[in-house]
Structures are given as structure tokens and as C-alpha cells.
Protein backbone atom coordinates (compact mmCIF):
# COMPACT_ATOMS: atom_id res chain seq x y z
CA MET A 1 -100.28 56.83 15.62
CA LYS A 2 -98.47 59.64 13.74
CA MET A 3 -96.74 58.38 10.53
CA LYS A 4 -93.43 59.83 9.35
CA LEU A 5 -93.36 61.43 5.97
CA LYS A 6 -91.34 60.12 3.22
CA SER A 7 -88.64 62.25 1.44
CA HIS A 8 -88.97 62.55 -2.36
CA ARG A 9 -85.69 60.87 -3.19
CA GLY A 10 -85.11 62.62 -6.49
CA ALA A 11 -85.61 66.03 -4.60
CA ALA A 12 -83.51 64.94 -1.70
CA LYS A 13 -80.45 64.45 -4.20
CA ARG A 14 -80.88 67.95 -5.82
CA PHE A 15 -81.62 70.17 -2.90
CA LYS A 16 -79.74 70.75 0.51
CA THR A 17 -80.93 72.91 3.39
CA THR A 18 -78.68 75.58 4.99
CA GLY A 19 -78.26 76.19 8.63
CA SER A 20 -80.46 79.33 8.37
CA GLY A 21 -83.27 77.46 6.57
CA LYS A 22 -82.51 78.39 2.87
CA ILE A 23 -82.60 75.56 0.35
CA LYS A 24 -79.51 75.24 -1.88
CA ARG A 25 -79.73 74.09 -5.55
CA GLY A 26 -77.51 73.57 -8.47
CA HIS A 27 -77.71 75.35 -11.85
CA ALA A 28 -79.21 73.94 -15.03
CA TYR A 29 -77.45 73.75 -18.31
CA GLY A 30 -73.99 72.88 -17.25
CA SER A 31 -73.70 69.23 -18.08
CA HIS A 32 -73.47 69.35 -22.12
CA LEU A 33 -72.76 71.40 -25.09
CA LEU A 34 -70.34 73.35 -23.23
CA THR A 35 -68.03 74.39 -26.34
CA SER A 36 -70.46 77.09 -27.26
CA LYS A 37 -70.65 78.61 -23.72
CA SER A 38 -68.12 81.16 -22.52
CA PRO A 39 -65.88 80.40 -19.53
CA LYS A 40 -67.38 82.90 -17.41
CA ARG A 41 -70.89 81.39 -17.88
CA LYS A 42 -69.56 77.86 -17.27
CA ASN A 43 -67.67 79.07 -13.94
CA ASN A 44 -71.14 80.67 -12.73
CA LEU A 45 -72.88 77.45 -13.52
CA LYS A 46 -70.67 75.49 -11.05
CA LYS A 47 -71.76 77.65 -8.10
CA THR A 48 -74.78 76.96 -5.97
CA GLY A 49 -77.79 79.04 -6.07
CA THR A 50 -80.88 79.44 -3.72
CA VAL A 51 -84.48 78.37 -4.28
CA SER A 52 -86.78 81.22 -4.81
CA ASP A 53 -89.42 82.24 -2.35
CA ALA A 54 -92.18 81.19 -4.75
CA ASP A 55 -90.86 77.63 -4.85
CA HIS A 56 -89.61 77.38 -1.15
CA ALA A 57 -92.86 75.88 0.26
CA VAL A 58 -93.04 73.13 -2.50
CA ILE A 59 -89.48 71.92 -2.20
CA LYS A 60 -89.71 72.11 1.69
CA ARG A 61 -92.66 69.50 1.45
CA LEU A 62 -90.64 67.26 -0.78
CA ILE A 63 -87.66 67.17 1.81
CA PRO A 64 -89.37 67.43 5.23
CA TYR A 65 -86.49 66.36 7.46
CA SER A 66 -83.50 67.64 5.87
């Protein structure tokens, strides 16, 4: 009998998979101490990024069905 894999719930809340198979992620450093950051920098922190190729395999194992 083949067992289902469990998703890592912490990772599942932080990463989403795109239709083409890339993994989206949010940027760090955007939640506090915002007065010292420039508006341009804060605006760029709002946007999503993609997980690097080096980390892709590790994250994919944490979220197997997404």
C-alpha cells in the first residue's frame, strides 16, 4: 500500500506553485521597521519573487501536492 506524503504546513502557507511549475514566494524584511526603508524599497517588498533553482528541489519536497 502506497502512503500519501504529508505537506509541511509552514511551507505550504509560504509558497505557491505556478502553472508552469515555478514556486512563488514572498520577500523578507517587509513587516516591521518600515520607517527607515524607502518607499521604493517597501513597494518592491510587496511583490512576489520566485524560489531559486538551488532551493527548488527542497521546497518541492515540502509541498508535494501543490
